[in-house]
């Protein structure tokens, strides 16, 4: 039991400091506040193809 808890804690710490996933999600949110509403067009792979400003 103790061993499982230790591994879980170490893993969670590594994910927060090494995983770039959470950072990407956080970076996309503030951008919306930077200026006017922006419409993101995502391609079939989920990548952003172009950005349009909505007024």
PDB file of N, CA and C in Angstrom:
ATOM      1  N   UNK A   1       0.842  -1.202   0.000  1.00  0.00           N
ATOM      2  CA  UNK A   1       0.000   0.000   0.000  1.00  0.00           C
ATOM      3  C   UNK A   1       0.881   1.258   0.000  1.00  0.00           C
ATOM      4  N   UNK A   2       1.816   1.311   0.930  1.00  0.00           N
ATOM      5  CA  UNK A   2       2.690   2.480   1.015  1.00  0.00           C
ATOM      6  C   UNK A   2       3.439   2.708  -0.283  1.00  0.00           C
ATOM      7  N   UNK A   3       3.908   1.630  -0.884  1.00  0.00           N
ATOM      8  CA  UNK A   3       4.690   1.758  -2.124  1.00  0.00           C
ATOM      9  C   UNK A   3       3.840   2.386  -3.226  1.00  0.00           C
ATOM     10  N   UNK A   4       2.582   1.972  -3.308  1.00  0.00           N
ATOM     11  CA  UNK A   4       1.698   2.506  -4.358  1.00  0.00           C
ATOM     12  C   UNK A   4       1.531   4.021  -4.192  1.00  0.00           C
ATOM     13  N   UNK A   5       1.315   4.452  -2.960  1.00  0.00           N
ATOM     14  CA  UNK A   5       1.113   5.887  -2.703  1.00  0.00           C
ATOM     15  C   UNK A   5       2.377   6.665  -3.079  1.00  0.00           C
ATOM     16  N   UNK A   6       3.528   6.121  -2.744  1.00  0.00           N
ATOM     17  CA  UNK A   6       4.787   6.817  -3.041  1.00  0.00           C
ATOM     18  C   UNK A   6       4.947   6.995  -4.551  1.00  0.00           C
ATOM     19  N   UNK A   7       4.706   5.920  -5.302  1.00  0.00           N
ATOM     20  CA  UNK A   7       4.842   5.995  -6.757  1.00  0.00           C
ATOM     21  C   UNK A   7       3.873   7.009  -7.338  1.00  0.00           C
ATOM     22  N   UNK A   8       2.654   7.019  -6.846  1.00  0.00           N
ATOM     23  CA  UNK A   8       1.636   7.935  -7.370  1.00  0.00           C
ATOM     24  C   UNK A   8       2.075   9.388  -7.162  1.00  0.00           C
ATOM     25  N   UNK A   9       2.556   9.691  -5.971  1.00  0.00           N
ATOM     26  CA  UNK A   9       2.978  11.060  -5.672  1.00  0.00           C
ATOM     27  C   UNK A   9       4.114  11.496  -6.586  1.00  0.00           C
ATOM     28  N   UNK A  10       5.103  10.630  -6.764  1.00  0.00           N
ATOM     29  CA  UNK A  10       6.254  10.982  -7.602  1.00  0.00           C
ATOM     30  C   UNK A  10       5.792  11.189  -9.046  1.00  0.00           C
ATOM     31  N   UNK A  11       4.876  10.357  -9.495  1.00  0.00           N
ATOM     32  CA  UNK A  11       4.409  10.453 -10.873  1.00  0.00           C
ATOM     33  C   UNK A  11       3.664  11.781 -11.093  1.00  0.00           C
ATOM     34  N   UNK A  12       2.792  12.119 -10.170  1.00  0.00           N
ATOM     35  CA  UNK A  12       2.008  13.355 -10.312  1.00  0.00           C
ATOM     36  C   UNK A  12       2.949  14.559 -10.376  1.00  0.00           C
ATOM     37  N   UNK A  13       3.974  14.560  -9.536  1.00  0.00           N
ATOM     38  CA  UNK A  13       4.920  15.685  -9.504  1.00  0.00           C
ATOM     39  C   UNK A  13       5.638  15.800 -10.855  1.00  0.00           C
ATOM     40  N   UNK A  14       6.032  14.663 -11.410  1.00  0.00           N
ATOM     41  CA  UNK A  14       6.756  14.674 -12.685  1.00  0.00           C
ATOM     42  C   UNK A  14       5.853  15.204 -13.802  1.00  0.00           C
ATOM     43  N   UNK A  15       4.590  14.790 -13.762  1.00  0.00           N
ATOM     44  CA  UNK A  15       3.666  15.218 -14.817  1.00  0.00           C
ATOM     45  C   UNK A  15       3.474  16.736 -14.812  1.00  0.00           C
ATOM     46  N   UNK A  16       3.343  17.299 -13.635  1.00  0.00           N
ATOM     47  CA  UNK A  16       3.085  18.743 -13.541  1.00  0.00           C
ATOM     48  C   UNK A  16       4.294  19.552 -14.003  1.00  0.00           C
ATOM     49  N   UNK A  17       5.494  19.058 -13.710  1.00  0.00           N
ATOM     50  CA  UNK A  17       6.695  19.819 -14.046  1.00  0.00           C
ATOM     51  C   UNK A  17       7.260  19.492 -15.415  1.00  0.00           C
ATOM     52  N   UNK A  18       6.869  18.363 -15.990  1.00  0.00           N
ATOM     53  CA  UNK A  18       7.476  17.956 -17.255  1.00  0.00           C
ATOM     54  C   UNK A  18       6.466  17.907 -18.403  1.00  0.00           C
ATOM     55  N   UNK A  19       5.201  17.638 -18.078  1.00  0.00           N
ATOM     56  CA  UNK A  19       4.198  17.497 -19.143  1.00  0.00           C
ATOM     57  C   UNK A  19       3.866  18.862 -19.759  1.00  0.00           C
ATOM     58  N   UNK A  20       4.083  19.059 -21.050  1.00  0.00           N
ATOM     59  CA  UNK A  20       3.770  20.330 -21.707  1.00  0.00           C
ATOM     60  C   UNK A  20       2.281  20.442 -22.044  1.00  0.00           C
ATOM     61  N   UNK A  21       1.535  19.362 -21.839  1.00  0.00           N
ATOM     62  CA  UNK A  21       0.105  19.375 -22.179  1.00  0.00           C
ATOM     63  C   UNK A  21      -0.654  20.450 -21.399  1.00  0.00           C
ATOM     64  N   UNK A  22      -0.582  20.435 -20.073  1.00  0.00           N
ATOM     65  CA  UNK A  22      -1.322  21.434 -19.290  1.00  0.00           C
ATOM     66  C   UNK A  22      -0.942  22.864 -19.676  1.00  0.00           C
ATOM     67  N   UNK A  23       0.311  23.070 -20.003  1.00  0.00           N
ATOM     68  CA  UNK A  23       0.776  24.411 -20.380  1.00  0.00           C
ATOM     69  C   UNK A  23       0.082  24.876 -21.653  1.00  0.00           C
ATOM     70  N   UNK A  24      -0.022  23.985 -22.624  1.00  0.00           N
ATOM     71  CA  UNK A  24      -0.637  24.346 -23.904  1.00  0.00           C
ATOM     72  C   UNK A  24      -2.088  24.780 -23.685  1.00  0.00           C
ATOM     73  N   UNK A  25      -2.809  24.052 -22.848  1.00  0.00           N
ATOM     74  CA  UNK A  25      -4.220  24.376 -22.598  1.00  0.00           C
ATOM     75  C   UNK A  25      -4.334  25.736 -21.917  1.00  0.00           C
ATOM     76  N   UNK A  26      -3.423  26.012 -21.004  1.00  0.00           N
ATOM     77  CA  UNK A  26      -3.466  27.287 -20.272  1.00  0.00           C
ATOM     78  C   UNK A  26      -3.086  28.446 -21.190  1.00  0.00           C
ATOM     79  N   UNK A  27      -2.196  28.199 -22.129  1.00  0.00           N
ATOM     80  CA  UNK A  27      -1.743  29.271 -23.029  1.00  0.00           C
ATOM     81  C   UNK A  27      -2.854  29.693 -23.992  1.00  0.00           C
ATOM     82  N   UNK A  28      -3.723  28.749 -24.342  1.00  0.00           N
ATOM     83  CA  UNK A  28      -4.789  29.064 -25.301  1.00  0.00           C
ATOM     84  C   UNK A  28      -5.874  29.932 -24.666  1.00  0.00           C
ATOM     85  N   UNK A  29      -6.062  29.818 -23.349  1.00  0.00           N
ATOM     86  CA  UNK A  29      -7.136  30.567 -22.676  1.00  0.00           C
ATOM     87  C   UNK A  29      -6.832  32.065 -22.599  1.00  0.00           C
ATOM     88  N   UNK A  30      -5.684  32.460 -22.071  1.00  0.00           N
ATOM     89  CA  UNK A  30      -5.367  33.888 -21.932  1.00  0.00           C
ATOM     90  C   UNK A  30      -5.352  34.623 -23.268  1.00  0.00           C
ATOM     91  N   UNK A  31      -5.041  33.939 -24.326  1.00  0.00           N
ATOM     92  CA  UNK A  31      -4.982  34.589 -25.644  1.00  0.00           C
ATOM     93  C   UNK A  31      -6.341  35.206 -25.980  1.00  0.00           C
ATOM     94  N   UNK A  32      -7.401  34.571 -25.562  1.00  0.00           N
ATOM     95  CA  UNK A  32      -8.742  35.070 -25.863  1.00  0.00           C
ATOM     96  C   UNK A  32      -8.959  36.415 -25.156  1.00  0.00           C
ATOM     97  N   UNK A  33      -8.351  36.565 -23.991  1.00  0.00           N
ATOM     98  CA  UNK A  33      -8.523  37.803 -23.222  1.00  0.00           C
ATOM     99  C   UNK A  33      -7.641  38.926 -23.776  1.00  0.00           C
ATOM    100  N   UNK A  34      -6.633  38.567 -24.529  1.00  0.00           N
ATOM    101  CA  UNK A  34      -5.682  39.563 -25.044  1.00  0.00           C
ATOM    102  C   UNK A  34      -6.370  40.558 -25.980  1.00  0.00           C
ATOM    103  N   UNK A  35      -7.358  40.108 -26.739  1.00  0.00           N
ATOM    104  CA  UNK A  35      -7.990  41.015 -27.696  1.00  0.00           C
ATOM    105  C   UNK A  35      -9.412  40.598 -28.014  1.00  0.00           C
ATOM    106  N   UNK A  36      -9.905  40.967 -29.196  1.00  0.00           N
ATOM    107  CA  UNK A  36     -11.273  40.642 -29.606  1.00  0.00           C
ATOM    108  C   UNK A  36     -11.455  39.143 -29.754  1.00  0.00           C
ATOM    109  N   UNK A  37     -12.711  38.690 -29.832  1.00  0.00           N
ATOM    110  CA  UNK A  37     -12.985  37.255 -29.984  1.00  0.00           C
ATOM    111  C   UNK A  37     -12.287  36.693 -31.223  1.00  0.00           C
ATOM    112  N   UNK A  38     -11.704  35.540 -31.079  1.00  0.00           N
ATOM    113  CA  UNK A  38     -10.980  34.930 -32.204  1.00  0.00           C
ATOM    114  C   UNK A  38     -11.587  33.560 -32.532  1.00  0.00           C
ATOM    115  N   UNK A  39     -11.796  33.302 -33.793  1.00  0.00           N
ATOM    116  CA  UNK A  39     -12.339  32.005 -34.210  1.00  0.00           C
ATOM    117  C   UNK A  39     -11.200  31.119 -34.702  1.00  0.00           C
ATOM    118  N   UNK A  40     -11.043  29.972 -34.052  1.00  0.00           N
ATOM    119  CA  UNK A  40      -9.953  29.060 -34.435  1.00  0.00           C
ATOM    120  C   UNK A  40     -10.493  27.977 -35.359  1.00  0.00           C
ATOM    121  N   UNK A  41      -9.870  27.811 -36.497  1.00  0.00           N
ATOM    122  CA  UNK A  41     -10.291  26.766 -37.427  1.00  0.00           C
ATOM    123  C   UNK A  41      -9.346  25.580 -37.299  1.00  0.00           C
ATOM    124  N   UNK A  42      -9.864  24.491 -36.738  1.00  0.00           N
ATOM    125  CA  UNK A  42      -9.015  23.310 -36.531  1.00  0.00           C
ATOM    126  C   UNK A  42      -9.172  22.334 -37.694  1.00  0.00           C
ATOM    127  N   UNK A  43      -8.048  21.790 -38.146  1.00  0.00           N
ATOM    128  CA  UNK A  43      -8.070  20.829 -39.241  1.00  0.00           C
ATOM    129  C   UNK A  43      -8.448  19.443 -38.749  1.00  0.00           C
ATOM    130  N   UNK A  44      -8.425  18.457 -39.631  1.00  0.00           N
ATOM    131  CA  UNK A  44      -8.785  17.075 -39.280  1.00  0.00           C
ATOM    132  C   UNK A  44      -7.876  16.511 -38.196  1.00  0.00           C
ATOM    133  N   UNK A  45      -6.642  16.974 -38.138  1.00  0.00           N
ATOM    134  CA  UNK A  45      -5.702  16.449 -37.139  1.00  0.00           C
ATOM    135  C   UNK A  45      -5.832  17.207 -35.826  1.00  0.00           C
ATOM    136  N   UNK A  46      -6.624  18.284 -35.806  1.00  0.00           N
ATOM    137  CA  UNK A  46      -6.787  19.045 -34.569  1.00  0.00           C
ATOM    138  C   UNK A  46      -5.839  20.228 -34.505  1.00  0.00           C
ATOM    139  N   UNK A  47      -5.074  20.446 -35.570  1.00  0.00           N
ATOM    140  CA  UNK A  47      -4.130  21.578 -35.580  1.00  0.00           C
ATOM    141  C   UNK A  47      -4.830  22.849 -36.060  1.00  0.00           C
ATOM    142  N   UNK A  48      -4.361  23.975 -35.595  1.00  0.00           N
ATOM    143  CA  UNK A  48      -4.962  25.251 -36.015  1.00  0.00           C
ATOM    144  C   UNK A  48      -4.453  25.630 -37.408  1.00  0.00           C
ATOM    145  N   UNK A  49      -5.369  25.798 -38.337  1.00  0.00           N
ATOM    146  CA  UNK A  49      -4.981  26.130 -39.711  1.00  0.00           C
ATOM    147  C   UNK A  49      -4.905  27.646 -39.906  1.00  0.00           C
ATOM    148  N   UNK A  50      -5.909  28.371 -39.420  1.00  0.00           N
ATOM    149  CA  UNK A  50      -5.911  29.826 -39.600  1.00  0.00           C
ATOM    150  C   UNK A  50      -6.687  30.488 -38.472  1.00  0.00           C
ATOM    151  N   UNK A  51      -6.452  31.787 -38.288  1.00  0.00           N
ATOM    152  CA  UNK A  51      -7.140  32.524 -37.218  1.00  0.00           C
ATOM    153  C   UNK A  51      -7.866  33.733 -37.804  1.00  0.00           C
ATOM    154  N   UNK A  52      -9.128  33.891 -37.422  1.00  0.00           N
ATOM    155  CA  UNK A  52      -9.911  35.029 -37.927  1.00  0.00           C
ATOM    156  C   UNK A  52     -10.433  35.856 -36.759  1.00  0.00           C
ATOM    157  N   UNK A  53     -10.419  37.174 -36.907  1.00  0.00           N
ATOM    158  CA  UNK A  53     -10.929  38.051 -35.842  1.00  0.00           C
ATOM    159  C   UNK A  53     -12.403  38.353 -36.092  1.00  0.00           C
ATOM    160  N   UNK A  54     -13.221  38.120 -35.076  1.00  0.00           N
ATOM    161  CA  UNK A  54     -14.661  38.371 -35.223  1.00  0.00           C
ATOM    162  C   UNK A  54     -15.010  39.715 -34.594  1.00  0.00           C
ATOM    163  N   UNK A  55     -15.705  40.559 -35.335  1.00  0.00           N
ATOM    164  CA  UNK A  55     -16.051  41.890 -34.785  1.00  0.00           C
ATOM    165  C   UNK A  55     -17.556  42.029 -34.691  1.00  0.00           C
TER     166      UNK A  55
END
